[in-house]
């Protein structure tokens, strides 16, 4: 039980440090801490460019993407694309809908 609490605390602290680094220092800090130097450097450059063009919103968007990639392995862009693919109705559900409407009408 104590090992589980200590492991959870370690994960919380690690994620907090990653989030603080990405938002307060430079986007890409979480990836740099994970040892992904190339990806971290690209995110840092993208964050600086986004801040210059879009202001703090651009900085935070790149920081959120960096943190998501570091903590879940998937970037926000990947998550949005996947969510769009999931929103399409399944073929079986599309076929069942007209049959249900016919049953309700009779």
Protein backbone atom coordinates (compact mmCIF):
# COMPACT_ATOMS: atom_id res chain seq x y z
CA UNK A 1 0.00 0.00 0.00
CA UNK A 2 2.79 2.41 0.88
CA UNK A 3 4.57 1.58 -2.39
CA UNK A 4 1.45 2.46 -4.36
CA UNK A 5 1.08 5.84 -2.63
CA UNK A 6 4.75 6.60 -3.11
CA UNK A 7 4.53 5.65 -6.80
CA UNK A 8 1.44 7.82 -7.25
CA UNK A 9 3.16 10.74 -5.51
CA UNK A 10 6.22 10.34 -7.73
CA UNK A 11 4.03 10.39 -10.85
CA UNK A 12 2.14 13.48 -9.65
CA UNK A 13 5.35 15.36 -8.85
CA UNK A 14 6.93 14.36 -12.16
CA UNK A 15 3.88 15.48 -14.14
CA UNK A 16 3.78 18.74 -12.16
CA UNK A 17 7.42 19.47 -12.98
CA UNK A 18 6.79 18.70 -16.65
CA UNK A 19 3.74 20.95 -16.79
CA UNK A 20 5.50 23.78 -14.96
CA UNK A 21 8.51 23.52 -17.26
CA UNK A 22 6.38 23.54 -20.41
CA UNK A 23 4.30 26.52 -19.35
CA UNK A 24 6.76 28.65 -17.39
CA UNK A 25 10.16 27.95 -18.97
CA UNK A 26 9.74 26.91 -22.59
CA UNK A 27 7.47 24.44 -24.38
CA UNK A 28 9.36 21.21 -24.95
CA UNK A 29 10.86 21.10 -21.45
CA UNK A 30 8.92 17.92 -20.64
CA UNK A 31 10.35 16.20 -23.69
CA UNK A 32 13.85 17.42 -22.89
CA UNK A 33 13.43 15.92 -19.40
CA UNK A 34 12.38 12.63 -21.04
CA UNK A 35 15.61 12.63 -23.07
CA UNK A 36 13.93 13.46 -26.39
CA UNK A 37 16.32 16.27 -27.27
CA UNK A 38 15.31 16.69 -30.92
CA UNK A 39 11.58 16.77 -30.25
CA UNK A 40 12.10 19.08 -27.27
CA UNK A 41 14.20 21.51 -29.28
CA UNK A 42 11.62 21.57 -32.09
CA UNK A 43 8.81 22.23 -29.61
CA UNK A 44 10.86 24.99 -27.95
CA UNK A 45 11.42 26.71 -31.30
CA UNK A 46 7.75 26.26 -32.19
CA UNK A 47 6.72 27.75 -28.84
CA UNK A 48 8.91 30.80 -29.29
CA UNK A 49 7.62 31.30 -32.84
CA UNK A 50 4.00 30.80 -31.74
CA UNK A 51 4.42 33.38 -29.00
CA UNK A 52 5.87 35.87 -31.46
CA UNK A 53 3.00 35.35 -33.91
CA UNK A 54 -0.01 34.55 -31.69
CA UNK A 55 1.06 35.81 -28.27
CA UNK A 56 0.56 33.89 -25.02
CA UNK A 57 -2.21 31.75 -26.53
CA UNK A 58 0.24 30.34 -29.08
CA UNK A 59 2.79 29.67 -26.35
CA UNK A 60 0.23 27.83 -24.22
CA UNK A 61 -1.06 25.81 -27.18
CA UNK A 62 2.43 24.52 -27.97
CA UNK A 63 3.09 23.93 -24.25
CA UNK A 64 -0.14 21.89 -23.92
CA UNK A 65 0.79 19.86 -26.99
CA UNK A 66 4.27 19.20 -25.61
CA UNK A 67 2.93 18.14 -22.22
CA UNK A 68 0.31 15.86 -23.81
CA UNK A 69 2.94 14.21 -26.00
CA UNK A 70 5.26 13.69 -23.05
CA UNK A 71 2.67 12.36 -20.62
CA UNK A 72 0.46 10.28 -22.94
CA UNK A 73 2.62 9.60 -25.98
CA UNK A 74 0.09 11.31 -28.29
CA UNK A 75 0.03 14.96 -29.27
CA UNK A 76 -3.12 17.07 -29.13
CA UNK A 77 -3.26 17.12 -32.93
CA UNK A 78 -3.28 13.30 -32.96
CA UNK A 79 -6.03 13.27 -30.34
CA UNK A 80 -8.17 15.71 -32.32
CA UNK A 81 -7.71 13.74 -35.53
CA UNK A 82 -8.59 10.47 -33.81
CA UNK A 83 -11.64 12.01 -32.19
CA UNK A 84 -12.86 13.18 -35.60
CA UNK A 85 -12.47 9.64 -36.94
CA UNK A 86 -14.39 8.22 -33.96
CA UNK A 87 -17.32 10.59 -34.46
CA UNK A 88 -18.34 8.88 -37.73
CA UNK A 89 -21.23 6.47 -37.16
CA UNK A 90 -20.44 2.81 -37.55
CA UNK A 91 -21.96 1.17 -40.65
CA UNK A 92 -24.07 -1.18 -38.52
CA UNK A 93 -25.46 1.73 -36.49
CA UNK A 94 -26.31 3.62 -39.67
CA UNK A 95 -28.21 0.60 -41.03
CA UNK A 96 -30.10 0.03 -37.76
CA UNK A 97 -31.34 3.63 -37.52
CA UNK A 98 -33.75 3.46 -40.52
CA UNK A 99 -35.06 0.07 -39.37
CA UNK A 100 -35.75 1.48 -35.91
CA UNK A 101 -37.56 4.45 -37.44
CA UNK A 102 -39.73 2.09 -39.55
CA UNK A 103 -40.59 0.03 -36.44
CA UNK A 104 -41.57 3.16 -34.54
CA UNK A 105 -43.77 4.36 -37.41
CA UNK A 106 -45.80 1.14 -37.58
